[in-house]
Amino acid sequence: MVEGAARDVPDVDGVRLVRAPGSGDDALVAACGGLGDDVLVVTADRGLRARLPAGVRVAGPGWLLGELPD
């Protein structure tokens, strides 16, 4: 999910990139609808976590940093 000035980033093979026309949180919640555990949202935002549809997997930024190569 990209919003604001980041909407202009190039596409990446193998990644579904959603360009939010307005609120990134609103667009992310809508994009996750019906996808269940096929989606992993990485966020520290508790409000966003609470709005995500049931079944969507969520991880924090610390987990993601631990998965990245050194």
PDB file of N, CA and C in Angstrom:
ATOM      1  N   MET A   1       0.847  -1.153   0.000  1.00  0.00           N
ATOM      2  CA  MET A   1       0.000   0.000   0.000  1.00  0.00           C
ATOM      3  C   MET A   1       0.901   1.226   0.000  1.00  0.00           C
ATOM      4  N   VAL A   2       0.672   2.071  -0.947  1.00  0.00           N
ATOM      5  CA  VAL A   2       1.400   3.337  -0.976  1.00  0.00           C
ATOM      6  C   VAL A   2       0.402   4.478  -1.055  1.00  0.00           C
ATOM      7  N   GLU A   3       0.759   5.581  -0.452  1.00  0.00           N
ATOM      8  CA  GLU A   3      -0.117   6.746  -0.438  1.00  0.00           C
ATOM      9  C   GLU A   3       0.722   8.008  -0.556  1.00  0.00           C
ATOM     10  N   GLY A   4       0.062   9.113  -0.820  1.00  0.00           N
ATOM     11  CA  GLY A   4       0.762  10.389  -0.914  1.00  0.00           C
ATOM     12  C   GLY A   4       1.811  10.373  -2.007  1.00  0.00           C
ATOM     13  N   ALA A   5       2.964  10.975  -1.728  1.00  0.00           N
ATOM     14  CA  ALA A   5       4.046  11.065  -2.713  1.00  0.00           C
ATOM     15  C   ALA A   5       4.585   9.695  -3.106  1.00  0.00           C
ATOM     16  N   ALA A   6       4.429   8.705  -2.242  1.00  0.00           N
ATOM     17  CA  ALA A   6       4.934   7.356  -2.525  1.00  0.00           C
ATOM     18  C   ALA A   6       4.127   6.646  -3.611  1.00  0.00           C
ATOM     19  N   ARG A   7       2.979   7.192  -4.004  1.00  0.00           N
ATOM     20  CA  ARG A   7       2.168   6.563  -5.055  1.00  0.00           C
ATOM     21  C   ARG A   7       2.922   6.433  -6.369  1.00  0.00           C
ATOM     22  N   ASP A   8       3.977   7.199  -6.542  1.00  0.00           N
ATOM     23  CA  ASP A   8       4.733   7.185  -7.797  1.00  0.00           C
ATOM     24  C   ASP A   8       5.847   6.142  -7.838  1.00  0.00           C
ATOM     25  N   VAL A   9       5.986   5.323  -6.782  1.00  0.00           N
ATOM     26  CA  VAL A   9       7.044   4.308  -6.800  1.00  0.00           C
ATOM     27  C   VAL A   9       6.744   3.290  -7.894  1.00  0.00           C
ATOM     28  N   PRO A  10       7.780   2.704  -8.490  1.00  0.00           N
ATOM     29  CA  PRO A  10       7.552   1.721  -9.556  1.00  0.00           C
ATOM     30  C   PRO A  10       6.991   0.412  -9.009  1.00  0.00           C
ATOM     31  N   ASP A  11       6.304  -0.336  -9.873  1.00  0.00           N
ATOM     32  CA  ASP A  11       5.806  -1.662  -9.509  1.00  0.00           C
ATOM     33  C   ASP A  11       6.976  -2.608  -9.272  1.00  0.00           C
ATOM     34  N   VAL A  12       6.729  -3.655  -8.484  1.00  0.00           N
ATOM     35  CA  VAL A  12       7.732  -4.667  -8.171  1.00  0.00           C
ATOM     36  C   VAL A  12       7.154  -6.024  -8.546  1.00  0.00           C
ATOM     37  N   ASP A  13       7.901  -6.808  -9.314  1.00  0.00           N
ATOM     38  CA  ASP A  13       7.441  -8.146  -9.691  1.00  0.00           C
ATOM     39  C   ASP A  13       7.154  -8.976  -8.446  1.00  0.00           C
ATOM     40  N   GLY A  14       6.017  -9.658  -8.442  1.00  0.00           N
ATOM     41  CA  GLY A  14       5.669 -10.533  -7.338  1.00  0.00           C
ATOM     42  C   GLY A  14       5.014  -9.847  -6.156  1.00  0.00           C
ATOM     43  N   VAL A  15       4.804  -8.541  -6.262  1.00  0.00           N
ATOM     44  CA  VAL A  15       4.199  -7.778  -5.165  1.00  0.00           C
ATOM     45  C   VAL A  15       2.963  -7.066  -5.697  1.00  0.00           C
ATOM     46  N   ARG A  16       1.838  -7.239  -5.011  1.00  0.00           N
ATOM     47  CA  ARG A  16       0.633  -6.488  -5.383  1.00  0.00           C
ATOM     48  C   ARG A  16       0.714  -5.124  -4.729  1.00  0.00           C
ATOM     49  N   LEU A  17       0.840  -4.107  -5.529  1.00  0.00           N
ATOM     50  CA  LEU A  17       0.971  -2.739  -5.036  1.00  0.00           C
ATOM     51  C   LEU A  17      -0.357  -2.026  -5.198  1.00  0.00           C
ATOM     52  N   VAL A  18      -0.903  -1.535  -4.104  1.00  0.00           N
ATOM     53  CA  VAL A  18      -2.160  -0.791  -4.131  1.00  0.00           C
ATOM     54  C   VAL A  18      -1.820   0.675  -3.902  1.00  0.00           C
ATOM     55  N   ARG A  19      -2.253   1.509  -4.825  1.00  0.00           N
ATOM     56  CA  ARG A  19      -2.012   2.952  -4.730  1.00  0.00           C
ATOM     57  C   ARG A  19      -3.263   3.623  -4.176  1.00  0.00           C
ATOM     58  N   ALA A  20      -3.177   4.103  -2.957  1.00  0.00           N
ATOM     59  CA  ALA A  20      -4.337   4.684  -2.283  1.00  0.00           C
ATOM     60  C   ALA A  20      -4.634   6.073  -2.836  1.00  0.00           C
ATOM     61  N   PRO A  21      -5.852   6.292  -3.325  1.00  0.00           N
ATOM     62  CA  PRO A  21      -6.195   7.618  -3.834  1.00  0.00           C
ATOM     63  C   PRO A  21      -6.388   8.641  -2.715  1.00  0.00           C
ATOM     64  N   GLY A  22      -6.663   8.159  -1.513  1.00  0.00           N
ATOM     65  CA  GLY A  22      -6.881   9.036  -0.362  1.00  0.00           C
ATOM     66  C   GLY A  22      -6.208   8.444   0.854  1.00  0.00           C
ATOM     67  N   SER A  23      -7.016   8.095   1.848  1.00  0.00           N
ATOM     68  CA  SER A  23      -6.502   7.510   3.084  1.00  0.00           C
ATOM     69  C   SER A  23      -5.900   6.133   2.828  1.00  0.00           C
ATOM     70  N   GLY A  24      -4.652   5.977   3.189  1.00  0.00           N
ATOM     71  CA  GLY A  24      -3.986   4.686   3.032  1.00  0.00           C
ATOM     72  C   GLY A  24      -4.615   3.612   3.890  1.00  0.00           C
ATOM     73  N   ASP A  25      -5.012   3.960   5.114  1.00  0.00           N
ATOM     74  CA  ASP A  25      -5.635   2.977   5.998  1.00  0.00           C
ATOM     75  C   ASP A  25      -6.954   2.488   5.409  1.00  0.00           C
ATOM     76  N   ASP A  26      -7.773   3.414   4.909  1.00  0.00           N
ATOM     77  CA  ASP A  26      -9.057   3.024   4.321  1.00  0.00           C
ATOM     78  C   ASP A  26      -8.846   2.102   3.126  1.00  0.00           C
ATOM     79  N   ALA A  27      -7.899   2.441   2.266  1.00  0.00           N
ATOM     80  CA  ALA A  27      -7.632   1.636   1.075  1.00  0.00           C
ATOM     81  C   ALA A  27      -7.092   0.260   1.458  1.00  0.00           C
ATOM     82  N   LEU A  28      -6.251   0.200   2.485  1.00  0.00           N
ATOM     83  CA  LEU A  28      -5.694  -1.079   2.922  1.00  0.00           C
ATOM     84  C   LEU A  28      -6.783  -1.984   3.476  1.00  0.00           C
ATOM     85  N   VAL A  29      -7.649  -1.454   4.305  1.00  0.00           N
ATOM     86  CA  VAL A  29      -8.739  -2.251   4.871  1.00  0.00           C
ATOM     87  C   VAL A  29      -9.621  -2.780   3.739  1.00  0.00           C
ATOM     88  N   ALA A  30      -9.940  -1.941   2.770  1.00  0.00           N
ATOM     89  CA  ALA A  30     -10.771  -2.369   1.642  1.00  0.00           C
ATOM     90  C   ALA A  30     -10.059  -3.429   0.801  1.00  0.00           C
ATOM     91  N   ALA A  31      -8.760  -3.262   0.569  1.00  0.00           N
ATOM     92  CA  ALA A  31      -8.007  -4.205  -0.264  1.00  0.00           C
ATOM     93  C   ALA A  31      -7.884  -5.569   0.397  1.00  0.00           C
ATOM     94  N   CYS A  32      -7.928  -5.618   1.720  1.00  0.00           N
ATOM     95  CA  CYS A  32      -7.788  -6.888   2.446  1.00  0.00           C
ATOM     96  C   CYS A  32      -9.085  -7.668   2.534  1.00  0.00           C
ATOM     97  N   GLY A  33     -10.198  -7.039   2.252  1.00  0.00           N
ATOM     98  CA  GLY A  33     -11.497  -7.690   2.360  1.00  0.00           C
ATOM     99  C   GLY A  33     -11.575  -8.943   1.512  1.00  0.00           C
ATOM    100  N   GLY A  34     -11.967 -10.051   2.134  1.00  0.00           N
ATOM    101  CA  GLY A  34     -12.149 -11.308   1.427  1.00  0.00           C
ATOM    102  C   GLY A  34     -10.879 -12.077   1.152  1.00  0.00           C
ATOM    103  N   LEU A  35      -9.721 -11.549   1.540  1.00  0.00           N
ATOM    104  CA  LEU A  35      -8.460 -12.235   1.260  1.00  0.00           C
ATOM    105  C   LEU A  35      -7.988 -13.108   2.413  1.00  0.00           C
ATOM    106  N   GLY A  36      -8.502 -12.856   3.618  1.00  0.00           N
ATOM    107  CA  GLY A  36      -8.163 -13.675   4.775  1.00  0.00           C
ATOM    108  C   GLY A  36      -6.675 -13.828   4.979  1.00  0.00           C
ATOM    109  N   ASP A  37      -6.235 -15.082   5.191  1.00  0.00           N
ATOM    110  CA  ASP A  37      -4.829 -15.316   5.529  1.00  0.00           C
ATOM    111  C   ASP A  37      -3.899 -15.305   4.322  1.00  0.00           C
ATOM    112  N   ASP A  38      -4.411 -14.905   3.156  1.00  0.00           N
ATOM    113  CA  ASP A  38      -3.535 -14.711   1.992  1.00  0.00           C
ATOM    114  C   ASP A  38      -2.795 -13.385   2.079  1.00  0.00           C
ATOM    115  N   VAL A  39      -3.090 -12.607   3.118  1.00  0.00           N
ATOM    116  CA  VAL A  39      -2.519 -11.271   3.273  1.00  0.00           C
ATOM    117  C   VAL A  39      -1.751 -11.194   4.584  1.00  0.00           C
ATOM    118  N   LEU A  40      -0.625 -10.508   4.545  1.00  0.00           N
ATOM    119  CA  LEU A  40       0.115 -10.172   5.759  1.00  0.00           C
ATOM    120  C   LEU A  40       0.283  -8.670   5.792  1.00  0.00           C
ATOM    121  N   VAL A  41      -0.251  -8.035   6.811  1.00  0.00           N
ATOM    122  CA  VAL A  41      -0.120  -6.593   6.987  1.00  0.00           C
ATOM    123  C   VAL A  41       0.932  -6.356   8.057  1.00  0.00           C
ATOM    124  N   VAL A  42       1.922  -5.546   7.735  1.00  0.00           N
ATOM    125  CA  VAL A  42       2.965  -5.193   8.697  1.00  0.00           C
ATOM    126  C   VAL A  42       2.718  -3.754   9.133  1.00  0.00           C
ATOM    127  N   THR A  43       2.361  -3.597  10.397  1.00  0.00           N
ATOM    128  CA  THR A  43       2.058  -2.267  10.921  1.00  0.00           C
ATOM    129  C   THR A  43       2.206  -2.249  12.438  1.00  0.00           C
ATOM    130  N   ALA A  44       2.538  -1.085  12.967  1.00  0.00           N
ATOM    131  CA  ALA A  44       2.560  -0.869  14.408  1.00  0.00           C
ATOM    132  C   ALA A  44       1.306  -0.112  14.849  1.00  0.00           C
ATOM    133  N   ASP A  45       0.446   0.226  13.904  1.00  0.00           N
ATOM    134  CA  ASP A  45      -0.747   1.035  14.157  1.00  0.00           C
ATOM    135  C   ASP A  45      -1.867   0.167  14.741  1.00  0.00           C
ATOM    136  N   ARG A  46      -2.136   0.319  16.033  1.00  0.00           N
ATOM    137  CA  ARG A  46      -3.161  -0.493  16.692  1.00  0.00           C
ATOM    138  C   ARG A  46      -4.552  -0.216  16.151  1.00  0.00           C
ATOM    139  N   GLY A  47      -4.819   1.029  15.799  1.00  0.00           N
ATOM    140  CA  GLY A  47      -6.119   1.367  15.233  1.00  0.00           C
ATOM    141  C   GLY A  47      -6.346   0.667  13.907  1.00  0.00           C
ATOM    142  N   LEU A  48      -5.316   0.623  13.068  1.00  0.00           N
ATOM    143  CA  LEU A  48      -5.422  -0.069  11.790  1.00  0.00           C
ATOM    144  C   LEU A  48      -5.602  -1.562  12.010  1.00  0.00           C
ATOM    145  N   ARG A  49      -4.848  -2.134  12.916  1.00  0.00           N
ATOM    146  CA  ARG A  49      -4.977  -3.569  13.217  1.00  0.00           C
ATOM    147  C   ARG A  49      -6.419  -3.912  13.580  1.00  0.00           C
ATOM    148  N   ALA A  50      -7.048  -3.063  14.374  1.00  0.00           N
ATOM    149  CA  ALA A  50      -8.417  -3.313  14.823  1.00  0.00           C
ATOM    150  C   ALA A  50      -9.426  -3.234  13.676  1.00  0.00           C
ATOM    151  N   ARG A  51      -9.108  -2.502  12.637  1.00  0.00           N
ATOM    152  CA  ARG A  51     -10.029  -2.329  11.501  1.00  0.00           C
ATOM    153  C   ARG A  51      -9.895  -3.403  10.433  1.00  0.00           C
ATOM    154  N   LEU A  52      -8.823  -4.188  10.469  1.00  0.00           N
ATOM    155  CA  LEU A  52      -8.604  -5.187   9.427  1.00  0.00           C
ATOM    156  C   LEU A  52      -9.636  -6.306   9.516  1.00  0.00           C
ATOM    157  N   PRO A  53     -10.030  -6.853   8.366  1.00  0.00           N
ATOM    158  CA  PRO A  53     -10.999  -7.951   8.374  1.00  0.00           C
ATOM    159  C   PRO A  53     -10.470  -9.170   9.140  1.00  0.00           C
ATOM    160  N   ALA A  54     -11.388  -9.959   9.660  1.00  0.00           N
ATOM    161  CA  ALA A  54     -11.021 -11.181  10.377  1.00  0.00           C
ATOM    162  C   ALA A  54     -10.211 -12.094   9.466  1.00  0.00           C
ATOM    163  N   GLY A  55      -9.188 -12.711  10.033  1.00  0.00           N
ATOM    164  CA  GLY A  55      -8.371 -13.668   9.298  1.00  0.00           C
ATOM    165  C   GLY A  55      -7.125 -13.081   8.667  1.00  0.00           C
ATOM    166  N   VAL A  56      -7.051 -11.752   8.565  1.00  0.00           N
ATOM    167  CA  VAL A  56      -5.859 -11.124   7.993  1.00  0.00           C
ATOM    168  C   VAL A  56      -4.722 -11.264   9.003  1.00  0.00           C
ATOM    169  N   ARG A  57      -3.581 -11.769   8.531  1.00  0.00           N
ATOM    170  CA  ARG A  57      -2.418 -11.917   9.411  1.00  0.00           C
ATOM    171  C   ARG A  57      -1.752 -10.558   9.593  1.00  0.00           C
ATOM    172  N   VAL A  58      -1.270 -10.292  10.801  1.00  0.00           N
ATOM    173  CA  VAL A  58      -0.638  -9.018  11.125  1.00  0.00           C
ATOM    174  C   VAL A  58       0.680  -9.278  11.836  1.00  0.00           C
ATOM    175  N   ALA A  59       1.696  -8.507  11.476  1.00  0.00           N
ATOM    176  CA  ALA A  59       2.996  -8.557  12.155  1.00  0.00           C
ATOM    177  C   ALA A  59       3.457  -7.124  12.379  1.00  0.00           C
ATOM    178  N   GLY A  60       4.346  -6.955  13.329  1.00  0.00           N
ATOM    179  CA  GLY A  60       4.895  -5.639  13.620  1.00  0.00           C
ATOM    180  C   GLY A  60       6.158  -5.371  12.825  1.00  0.00           C
ATOM    181  N   PRO A  61       6.589  -4.129  12.804  1.00  0.00           N
ATOM    182  CA  PRO A  61       7.791  -3.780  12.052  1.00  0.00           C
ATOM    183  C   PRO A  61       9.046  -4.475  12.572  1.00  0.00           C
ATOM    184  N   GLY A  62       9.080  -4.808  13.844  1.00  0.00           N
ATOM    185  CA  GLY A  62      10.235  -5.517  14.382  1.00  0.00           C
ATOM    186  C   GLY A  62      10.395  -6.892  13.761  1.00  0.00           C
ATOM    187  N   TRP A  63       9.270  -7.574  13.537  1.00  0.00           N
ATOM    188  CA  TRP A  63       9.315  -8.866  12.875  1.00  0.00           C
ATOM    189  C   TRP A  63       9.884  -8.721  11.476  1.00  0.00           C
ATOM    190  N   LEU A  64       9.408  -7.737  10.723  1.00  0.00           N
ATOM    191  CA  LEU A  64       9.876  -7.532   9.355  1.00  0.00           C
ATOM    192  C   LEU A  64      11.377  -7.228   9.339  1.00  0.00           C
ATOM    193  N   LEU A  65      11.836  -6.382  10.217  1.00  0.00           N
ATOM    194  CA  LEU A  65      13.275  -6.064  10.261  1.00  0.00           C
ATOM    195  C   LEU A  65      14.096  -7.322  10.547  1.00  0.00           C
ATOM    196  N   GLY A  66      13.562  -8.209  11.386  1.00  0.00           N
ATOM    197  CA  GLY A  66      14.266  -9.452  11.694  1.00  0.00           C
ATOM    198  C   GLY A  66      14.329 -10.406  10.501  1.00  0.00           C
ATOM    199  N   GLU A  67      13.420 -10.268   9.564  1.00  0.00           N
ATOM    200  CA  GLU A  67      13.386 -11.129   8.384  1.00  0.00           C
ATOM    201  C   GLU A  67      14.298 -10.634   7.273  1.00  0.00           C
ATOM    202  N   LEU A  68      14.680  -9.373   7.296  1.00  0.00           N
ATOM    203  CA  LEU A  68      15.515  -8.809   6.249  1.00  0.00           C
ATOM    204  C   LEU A  68      16.967  -9.236   6.405  1.00  0.00           C
ATOM    205  N   PRO A  69      17.656  -9.424   5.277  1.00  0.00           N
ATOM    206  CA  PRO A  69      19.071  -9.795   5.386  1.00  0.00           C
ATOM    207  C   PRO A  69      19.890  -8.646   5.982  1.00  0.00           C
ATOM    208  N   ASP A  70      20.986  -9.005   6.625  1.00  0.00           N
ATOM    209  CA  ASP A  70      21.856  -7.990   7.243  1.00  0.00           C
ATOM    210  C   ASP A  70      22.514  -7.122   6.204  1.00  0.00           C
TER     211      ASP A  70
END
